N, C-alpha and C. Protein backbone atom coordinates (compact mmCIF):
# COMPACT_ATOMS: atom_id res chain seq x y z
N MET A 1 0.84 -1.17 0.00
CA MET A 1 0.00 0.00 0.00
C MET A 1 0.89 1.24 0.00
N SER A 2 0.29 2.39 0.20
CA SER A 2 1.10 3.60 0.09
C SER A 2 0.77 4.60 1.19
N ILE A 3 1.72 5.50 1.39
CA ILE A 3 1.56 6.58 2.36
C ILE A 3 1.04 7.79 1.60
N VAL A 4 -0.02 8.39 2.13
CA VAL A 4 -0.64 9.54 1.47
C VAL A 4 -0.45 10.79 2.32
N LYS A 5 -0.62 11.95 1.68
CA LYS A 5 -0.42 13.23 2.36
C LYS A 5 -1.55 13.46 3.37
N ILE A 6 -1.18 13.89 4.58
CA ILE A 6 -2.16 14.21 5.62
C ILE A 6 -2.46 15.71 5.56
N SER A 7 -3.74 16.04 5.48
CA SER A 7 -4.17 17.45 5.46
C SER A 7 -4.02 18.04 6.86
N MET A 8 -3.59 19.29 6.90
CA MET A 8 -3.41 19.98 8.17
C MET A 8 -4.31 21.21 8.22
N TYR A 9 -4.66 21.63 9.43
CA TYR A 9 -5.45 22.84 9.63
C TYR A 9 -4.69 24.02 9.04
N PRO A 10 -5.34 24.88 8.31
CA PRO A 10 -6.76 25.13 8.09
C PRO A 10 -7.33 24.56 6.79
N ASP A 11 -6.87 23.43 6.32
CA ASP A 11 -7.37 22.82 5.09
C ASP A 11 -8.89 22.67 5.17
N VAL A 12 -9.59 23.15 4.16
CA VAL A 12 -11.06 23.12 4.14
C VAL A 12 -11.61 21.69 4.17
N ALA A 13 -10.83 20.72 3.74
CA ALA A 13 -11.28 19.32 3.77
C ALA A 13 -11.58 18.85 5.19
N LEU A 14 -10.94 19.46 6.17
CA LEU A 14 -11.13 19.04 7.56
C LEU A 14 -12.45 19.54 8.14
N THR A 15 -13.06 20.52 7.52
CA THR A 15 -14.35 21.03 8.02
C THR A 15 -15.50 20.70 7.08
N THR A 16 -15.22 20.00 6.00
CA THR A 16 -16.25 19.60 5.05
C THR A 16 -16.88 18.29 5.51
N PRO A 17 -18.22 18.26 5.64
CA PRO A 17 -18.87 17.01 6.07
C PRO A 17 -18.57 15.86 5.10
N CYS A 18 -18.36 14.69 5.66
CA CYS A 18 -18.11 13.50 4.84
C CYS A 18 -19.43 12.88 4.41
N VAL A 19 -19.38 12.09 3.37
CA VAL A 19 -20.60 11.47 2.82
C VAL A 19 -20.68 10.00 3.22
N VAL A 20 -21.91 9.55 3.38
CA VAL A 20 -22.16 8.15 3.71
C VAL A 20 -21.76 7.28 2.52
N VAL A 21 -21.12 6.16 2.81
CA VAL A 21 -20.73 5.22 1.77
C VAL A 21 -21.89 4.25 1.55
N PRO A 22 -22.41 4.17 0.32
CA PRO A 22 -23.49 3.21 0.05
C PRO A 22 -23.03 1.78 0.35
N VAL A 23 -23.94 0.98 0.84
CA VAL A 23 -23.60 -0.40 1.24
C VAL A 23 -22.92 -1.16 0.11
N ASP A 24 -23.36 -0.97 -1.11
CA ASP A 24 -22.77 -1.72 -2.22
C ASP A 24 -21.38 -1.22 -2.62
N LYS A 25 -20.91 -0.14 -2.02
CA LYS A 25 -19.59 0.42 -2.32
C LYS A 25 -18.58 0.21 -1.19
N ILE A 26 -19.02 -0.35 -0.07
CA ILE A 26 -18.14 -0.50 1.09
C ILE A 26 -16.90 -1.32 0.77
N SER A 27 -17.05 -2.40 0.03
CA SER A 27 -15.89 -3.25 -0.27
C SER A 27 -14.83 -2.52 -1.09
N SER A 28 -15.22 -1.45 -1.79
CA SER A 28 -14.25 -0.71 -2.60
C SER A 28 -13.34 0.18 -1.75
N LEU A 29 -13.60 0.27 -0.44
CA LEU A 29 -12.78 1.12 0.43
C LEU A 29 -11.57 0.39 1.03
N LYS A 30 -11.40 -0.88 0.70
CA LYS A 30 -10.31 -1.65 1.28
C LYS A 30 -8.95 -0.98 1.05
N GLU A 31 -8.66 -0.59 -0.18
CA GLU A 31 -7.37 0.03 -0.48
C GLU A 31 -7.21 1.36 0.25
N LEU A 32 -8.29 2.15 0.33
CA LEU A 32 -8.24 3.41 1.07
C LEU A 32 -7.87 3.16 2.53
N LEU A 33 -8.54 2.21 3.17
CA LEU A 33 -8.26 1.93 4.58
C LEU A 33 -6.84 1.41 4.78
N LEU A 34 -6.34 0.60 3.86
CA LEU A 34 -4.97 0.11 3.97
C LEU A 34 -3.97 1.26 3.80
N ASP A 35 -4.22 2.15 2.85
CA ASP A 35 -3.36 3.32 2.68
C ASP A 35 -3.39 4.21 3.92
N MET A 36 -4.58 4.38 4.50
CA MET A 36 -4.71 5.18 5.72
C MET A 36 -3.93 4.53 6.87
N CYS A 37 -3.96 3.21 6.94
CA CYS A 37 -3.23 2.49 7.98
C CYS A 37 -1.73 2.70 7.82
N ASP A 38 -1.23 2.55 6.61
CA ASP A 38 0.19 2.78 6.35
C ASP A 38 0.59 4.21 6.71
N THR A 39 -0.27 5.16 6.35
CA THR A 39 0.00 6.56 6.63
C THR A 39 0.01 6.82 8.13
N MET A 40 -0.98 6.30 8.84
CA MET A 40 -1.06 6.47 10.30
C MET A 40 0.18 5.89 10.98
N MET A 41 0.56 4.69 10.57
CA MET A 41 1.73 4.04 11.18
C MET A 41 3.01 4.82 10.89
N SER A 42 3.10 5.44 9.72
CA SER A 42 4.33 6.16 9.35
C SER A 42 4.58 7.38 10.23
N VAL A 43 3.50 7.91 10.84
CA VAL A 43 3.66 9.07 11.72
C VAL A 43 3.38 8.71 13.17
N ASN A 44 3.33 7.40 13.46
CA ASN A 44 3.08 6.89 14.81
C ASN A 44 1.79 7.46 15.38
N GLY A 45 0.74 7.50 14.55
CA GLY A 45 -0.54 8.05 14.97
C GLY A 45 -1.41 7.04 15.69
N ALA A 46 -2.49 7.57 16.29
CA ALA A 46 -3.45 6.72 17.00
C ALA A 46 -4.72 6.52 16.18
N GLY A 47 -4.95 7.38 15.20
CA GLY A 47 -6.14 7.28 14.38
C GLY A 47 -6.04 8.23 13.21
N LEU A 48 -6.91 8.01 12.22
CA LEU A 48 -6.89 8.85 11.03
C LEU A 48 -8.26 8.75 10.35
N ALA A 49 -8.82 9.91 9.99
CA ALA A 49 -10.10 9.95 9.29
C ALA A 49 -9.87 10.15 7.80
N ALA A 50 -10.81 9.69 7.00
CA ALA A 50 -10.67 9.79 5.54
C ALA A 50 -10.50 11.23 5.08
N ASN A 51 -11.19 12.18 5.73
CA ASN A 51 -11.04 13.57 5.29
C ASN A 51 -9.66 14.13 5.59
N GLN A 52 -8.92 13.50 6.48
CA GLN A 52 -7.55 13.94 6.76
C GLN A 52 -6.58 13.58 5.65
N VAL A 53 -7.02 12.69 4.77
CA VAL A 53 -6.18 12.32 3.62
C VAL A 53 -6.85 12.74 2.32
N GLY A 54 -7.74 13.74 2.40
CA GLY A 54 -8.34 14.32 1.22
C GLY A 54 -9.48 13.55 0.59
N ARG A 55 -10.08 12.66 1.34
CA ARG A 55 -11.20 11.87 0.81
C ARG A 55 -12.50 12.31 1.48
N THR A 56 -13.63 12.04 0.84
CA THR A 56 -14.91 12.50 1.37
C THR A 56 -15.74 11.39 2.01
N GLU A 57 -15.27 10.15 1.95
CA GLU A 57 -16.03 9.05 2.51
C GLU A 57 -16.06 9.14 4.04
N ARG A 58 -17.17 8.71 4.63
CA ARG A 58 -17.30 8.69 6.08
C ARG A 58 -16.64 7.41 6.60
N ALA A 59 -15.36 7.53 6.94
CA ALA A 59 -14.60 6.38 7.40
C ALA A 59 -13.41 6.85 8.23
N PHE A 60 -12.97 6.00 9.16
CA PHE A 60 -11.77 6.29 9.92
C PHE A 60 -11.13 4.98 10.38
N ILE A 61 -9.89 5.08 10.80
CA ILE A 61 -9.19 3.93 11.39
C ILE A 61 -8.61 4.37 12.71
N MET A 62 -8.37 3.41 13.60
CA MET A 62 -7.74 3.72 14.88
C MET A 62 -7.02 2.49 15.41
N ARG A 63 -5.99 2.76 16.21
CA ARG A 63 -5.27 1.67 16.86
C ARG A 63 -6.02 1.26 18.11
N VAL A 64 -6.09 -0.03 18.35
CA VAL A 64 -6.70 -0.57 19.56
C VAL A 64 -5.80 -1.66 20.12
N ASN A 65 -5.92 -1.91 21.40
CA ASN A 65 -5.20 -3.02 22.01
C ASN A 65 -6.22 -4.08 22.40
N ALA A 66 -6.29 -5.13 21.62
CA ALA A 66 -7.19 -6.24 21.89
C ALA A 66 -6.40 -7.37 22.53
N ASN A 67 -6.70 -7.67 23.76
CA ASN A 67 -5.99 -8.73 24.49
C ASN A 67 -4.48 -8.48 24.48
N SER A 68 -4.09 -7.24 24.72
CA SER A 68 -2.69 -6.81 24.77
C SER A 68 -1.97 -6.93 23.43
N THR A 69 -2.73 -7.10 22.35
CA THR A 69 -2.14 -7.17 21.02
C THR A 69 -2.59 -5.95 20.23
N PRO A 70 -1.64 -5.10 19.80
CA PRO A 70 -2.04 -3.93 19.02
C PRO A 70 -2.64 -4.33 17.67
N GLU A 71 -3.77 -3.74 17.37
CA GLU A 71 -4.44 -3.98 16.10
C GLU A 71 -4.98 -2.67 15.58
N THR A 72 -5.41 -2.65 14.33
CA THR A 72 -6.01 -1.47 13.74
C THR A 72 -7.46 -1.79 13.40
N LEU A 73 -8.36 -0.89 13.81
CA LEU A 73 -9.78 -1.06 13.56
C LEU A 73 -10.22 -0.04 12.52
N GLY A 74 -10.88 -0.49 11.46
CA GLY A 74 -11.42 0.40 10.44
C GLY A 74 -12.93 0.52 10.61
N CYS A 75 -13.44 1.74 10.55
CA CYS A 75 -14.88 1.99 10.70
C CYS A 75 -15.39 2.74 9.48
N ILE A 76 -16.50 2.26 8.93
CA ILE A 76 -17.12 2.88 7.78
C ILE A 76 -18.55 3.26 8.17
N ASN A 77 -18.95 4.49 7.85
CA ASN A 77 -20.26 5.03 8.20
C ASN A 77 -20.54 4.96 9.71
N PRO A 78 -19.61 5.41 10.56
CA PRO A 78 -19.87 5.36 12.00
C PRO A 78 -20.96 6.35 12.40
N GLU A 79 -21.68 6.00 13.45
CA GLU A 79 -22.72 6.87 13.99
C GLU A 79 -22.59 6.88 15.51
N VAL A 80 -22.76 8.06 16.09
CA VAL A 80 -22.80 8.17 17.55
C VAL A 80 -24.24 8.03 17.97
N ILE A 81 -24.49 7.08 18.86
CA ILE A 81 -25.87 6.87 19.33
C ILE A 81 -25.96 7.02 20.83
């Protein structure tokens, strides 16, 4: 995969609302999430949203420790309830 440029404040992409990914398009985000993971790891980050790498999809990744094993969790179309 590849490392992509991370947008920094005051980039307008960071304040632009992201769009919901249609269910039939979710599988097409695999490469995006892998690129985001590589990018996050390259800067020793804890998480990264799609709009931080210039994309409009509603998705993010984050590092988690599951059973003391570091893993990366990808979320598509998250909602706070």
